[in-house]
Amino acid sequence: LACTDCHVLHALNDAALSRKDQADICLNCHNKQRAEFSRTSAHPVRQGKINCGDCHNPHGSMEDSLLRVNGSKNMTCYSCHAEKRGPFLWAHAPVVEDCGVCHEHHGAINSSLLKKRQPLLCQQCHSQTLHPSYEYDGSSLTNNSRSKYVLGKSCLNCHAQVHGSNHP
């Protein structure tokens, strides 16, 4: 890329330097991300509350995806979502590994930027063995189980602190 692909030389107001217009400049080329920001659950780029430069350094970075914060992908997320950082007495392993295990970074069709809806997201790693849950494939209600937890279809009915907790 050349500087002029994003910047207008000798212009009084370069749109790439404007917080208001920066996302439009980036999304002219990044069509996949433009589509992701149009999903039901997305970071508020379209609303102008954040822009691409809050997470990414367009001029280069030592991190994957030109992330602005050094250390890990999670550190970029924690710069806005500090309450998820911990330390926790009990930390959910995927949270420590990478927020992207469960969440889409730009936008998702599920709430809270989740990659899959509840409880399918949890059940891709957690089995139902010795637990009052069943796979929700339509057959769970035929086994005479009328548990409010099964009918609620969400692990979050009991496990509210999925990122981590200080409760043993």
Protein backbone atom coordinates (compact mmCIF):
# COMPACT_ATOMS: atom_id res chain seq x y z
CA LEU A 1 0.00 0.00 0.00
CA ALA A 2 1.02 3.56 -0.56
CA CYS A 3 0.30 6.41 1.85
CA THR A 4 -2.16 7.88 -0.65
CA ASP A 5 -4.33 4.75 -0.51
CA CYS A 6 -5.63 6.04 2.83
CA HIS A 7 -4.43 9.64 3.11
CA VAL A 8 -5.07 12.70 0.94
CA LEU A 9 -1.84 14.63 0.53
CA HIS A 10 -1.80 18.36 1.08
CA ALA A 11 -5.41 18.38 2.23
CA LEU A 12 -6.49 20.66 5.01
CA ASN A 13 -8.67 17.91 6.54
CA ASP A 14 -7.43 14.39 5.85
CA ALA A 15 -10.36 11.99 6.48
CA ALA A 16 -7.98 9.24 7.63
CA LEU A 17 -6.91 11.47 10.53
CA SER A 18 -10.48 12.27 11.58
CA ARG A 19 -11.98 10.05 14.28
CA LYS A 20 -15.38 10.52 12.68
CA ASP A 21 -14.33 9.37 9.19
CA GLN A 22 -11.54 6.89 9.93
CA ALA A 23 -13.74 3.76 9.86
CA ASP A 24 -15.11 4.69 6.43
CA ILE A 25 -11.57 4.95 5.05
CA CYS A 26 -10.62 1.53 6.48
CA LEU A 27 -13.84 -0.18 5.47
CA ASN A 28 -13.49 0.93 1.84
CA CYS A 29 -10.97 -1.91 1.45
CA HIS A 30 -11.89 -4.20 4.36
CA ASN A 31 -15.22 -5.44 3.01
CA LYS A 32 -15.40 -8.51 5.27
CA GLN A 33 -15.13 -6.31 8.36
CA ARG A 34 -17.73 -3.90 6.93
CA ALA A 35 -20.16 -6.82 6.71
CA GLU A 36 -19.28 -7.98 10.24
CA PHE A 37 -20.01 -4.52 11.66
CA SER A 38 -23.47 -4.70 10.05
CA ARG A 39 -24.45 -7.77 12.07
CA THR A 40 -26.95 -7.68 14.93
CA SER A 41 -24.29 -7.66 17.65
CA ALA A 42 -21.22 -5.59 16.81
CA HIS A 43 -18.72 -3.22 18.30
CA PRO A 44 -20.19 0.30 17.94
CA VAL A 45 -18.11 1.41 14.95
CA ARG A 46 -21.16 2.33 12.84
CA GLN A 47 -22.41 4.50 15.71
CA GLY A 48 -19.07 6.32 15.87
CA LYS A 49 -18.35 5.33 19.49
CA ILE A 50 -15.11 3.53 18.56
CA ASN A 51 -13.07 3.34 15.41
CA CYS A 52 -10.56 0.98 13.85
CA GLY A 53 -7.60 2.85 15.34
CA ASP A 54 -8.78 2.12 18.88
CA CYS A 55 -7.73 -1.52 18.41
CA HIS A 56 -5.48 -1.51 15.33
CA ASN A 57 -2.37 0.38 14.31
CA PRO A 58 -2.71 0.88 10.55
CA HIS A 59 0.98 1.71 10.16
CA GLY A 60 2.23 -1.59 11.54
CA SER A 61 2.55 -3.58 14.72
CA MET A 62 4.41 -6.56 16.10
CA GLU A 63 1.06 -8.16 16.97
CA ASP A 64 -1.34 -10.22 14.88
CA SER A 65 -3.83 -8.19 12.86
CA LEU A 66 -1.85 -5.00 13.55
CA LEU A 67 -3.21 -4.78 17.08
CA ARG A 68 -2.29 -1.61 18.93
CA VAL A 69 -1.71 -3.16 22.40
CA ASN A 70 1.34 -5.39 22.77
CA GLY A 71 1.13 -8.65 24.69
CA SER A 72 -1.87 -10.59 23.47
CA LYS A 73 -5.20 -10.23 21.74
CA ASN A 74 -6.82 -10.26 25.16
CA MET A 75 -4.87 -7.18 26.23
CA THR A 76 -6.54 -5.27 23.40
CA CYS A 77 -9.96 -6.38 24.64
CA TYR A 78 -9.10 -5.57 28.27
CA SER A 79 -8.27 -1.98 27.32
CA CYS A 80 -12.06 -1.43 27.18
CA HIS A 81 -13.37 -4.46 29.06
CA ALA A 82 -11.22 -4.28 32.21
CA GLU A 83 -13.86 -6.06 34.31
CA LYS A 84 -13.16 -9.27 32.37
CA ARG A 85 -9.45 -9.17 33.11
CA GLY A 86 -9.32 -10.54 36.64
CA PRO A 87 -7.35 -11.85 38.39
CA PHE A 88 -9.93 -14.36 39.46
CA LEU A 89 -9.70 -17.21 41.94
CA TRP A 90 -11.37 -19.34 39.28
CA ALA A 91 -10.73 -18.31 35.69
CA HIS A 92 -12.42 -19.93 32.71
CA ALA A 93 -9.58 -21.34 30.59
CA PRO A 94 -10.79 -19.97 27.21
CA VAL A 95 -10.92 -16.46 28.70
CA VAL A 96 -7.27 -16.67 29.68
CA GLU A 97 -6.33 -18.12 26.27
CA ASP A 98 -8.11 -15.82 23.82
CA CYS A 99 -11.39 -13.89 23.86
CA GLY A 100 -11.81 -15.06 20.26
CA VAL A 101 -12.49 -18.62 21.40
CA CYS A 102 -16.06 -17.57 22.24
CA HIS A 103 -16.45 -14.07 20.77
CA GLU A 104 -16.22 -12.63 17.27
CA HIS A 105 -14.01 -9.55 17.26
CA HIS A 106 -15.99 -7.28 14.95
CA GLY A 107 -19.58 -8.52 14.84
CA ALA A 108 -21.78 -11.59 15.22
CA ILE A 109 -25.35 -12.69 14.67
CA ASN A 110 -25.59 -13.81 18.32
CA SER A 111 -25.79 -11.47 21.30
CA SER A 112 -22.61 -10.30 23.06
CA LEU A 113 -20.57 -11.04 19.93
CA LEU A 114 -20.82 -14.80 20.67
CA LYS A 115 -19.74 -17.21 17.93
CA LYS A 116 -22.64 -19.57 18.68
CA ARG A 117 -25.86 -19.17 20.61
CA GLN A 118 -26.34 -20.52 24.13
CA PRO A 119 -26.04 -23.36 25.11
CA LEU A 120 -24.37 -24.66 21.95
CA LEU A 121 -21.33 -22.47 22.56
CA CYS A 122 -20.70 -24.06 25.97
CA GLN A 123 -21.54 -27.56 24.80
CA GLN A 124 -18.86 -27.58 22.14
CA CYS A 125 -16.32 -27.93 25.01
CA HIS A 126 -18.38 -29.04 28.02
CA SER A 127 -20.09 -32.43 27.94
CA GLN A 128 -23.40 -33.18 29.61
CA THR A 129 -21.96 -36.02 31.71
CA LEU A 130 -22.91 -35.72 35.40
CA HIS A 131 -24.64 -32.45 34.72
CA PRO A 132 -28.34 -31.53 34.47
CA SER A 133 -28.20 -30.56 30.84
CA TYR A 134 -28.81 -32.15 27.49
CA GLU A 135 -27.84 -31.29 23.98
CA TYR A 136 -30.51 -29.04 22.60
CA ASP A 137 -31.15 -30.77 19.33
CA GLY A 138 -34.92 -31.02 19.70
CA SER A 139 -34.93 -34.37 21.50
CA SER A 140 -34.20 -33.03 25.00
CA LEU A 141 -37.84 -32.65 25.97
CA THR A 142 -38.83 -36.23 25.08
CA ASN A 143 -36.92 -37.83 27.99
CA ASN A 144 -39.48 -36.65 30.61
CA SER A 145 -37.07 -33.97 31.85
CA ARG A 146 -38.89 -30.78 32.70
CA SER A 147 -36.03 -29.09 34.51
CA LYS A 148 -36.26 -25.31 34.43
CA TYR A 149 -32.57 -25.31 33.56
CA VAL A 150 -33.11 -27.52 30.53
CA LEU A 151 -36.18 -25.56 29.46
CA GLY A 152 -34.31 -22.27 29.90
CA LYS A 153 -31.72 -23.59 27.44
CA SER A 154 -28.91 -21.52 28.83
CA CYS A 155 -25.88 -22.40 30.91
CA LEU A 156 -26.03 -18.82 32.16
CA ASN A 157 -29.08 -19.72 34.29
CA CYS A 158 -26.59 -21.07 36.85
CA HIS A 159 -23.16 -20.10 35.56
CA ALA A 160 -23.55 -16.33 35.49
CA GLN A 161 -19.82 -15.52 35.86
CA VAL A 162 -18.49 -17.34 32.79
CA HIS A 163 -15.36 -15.21 32.50
CA GLY A 164 -14.21 -15.89 36.04
CA SER A 165 -15.18 -15.67 39.66
CA ASN A 166 -13.66 -15.18 43.07
CA HIS A 167 -16.21 -17.59 44.53
CA PRO A 168 -14.70 -21.06 45.11
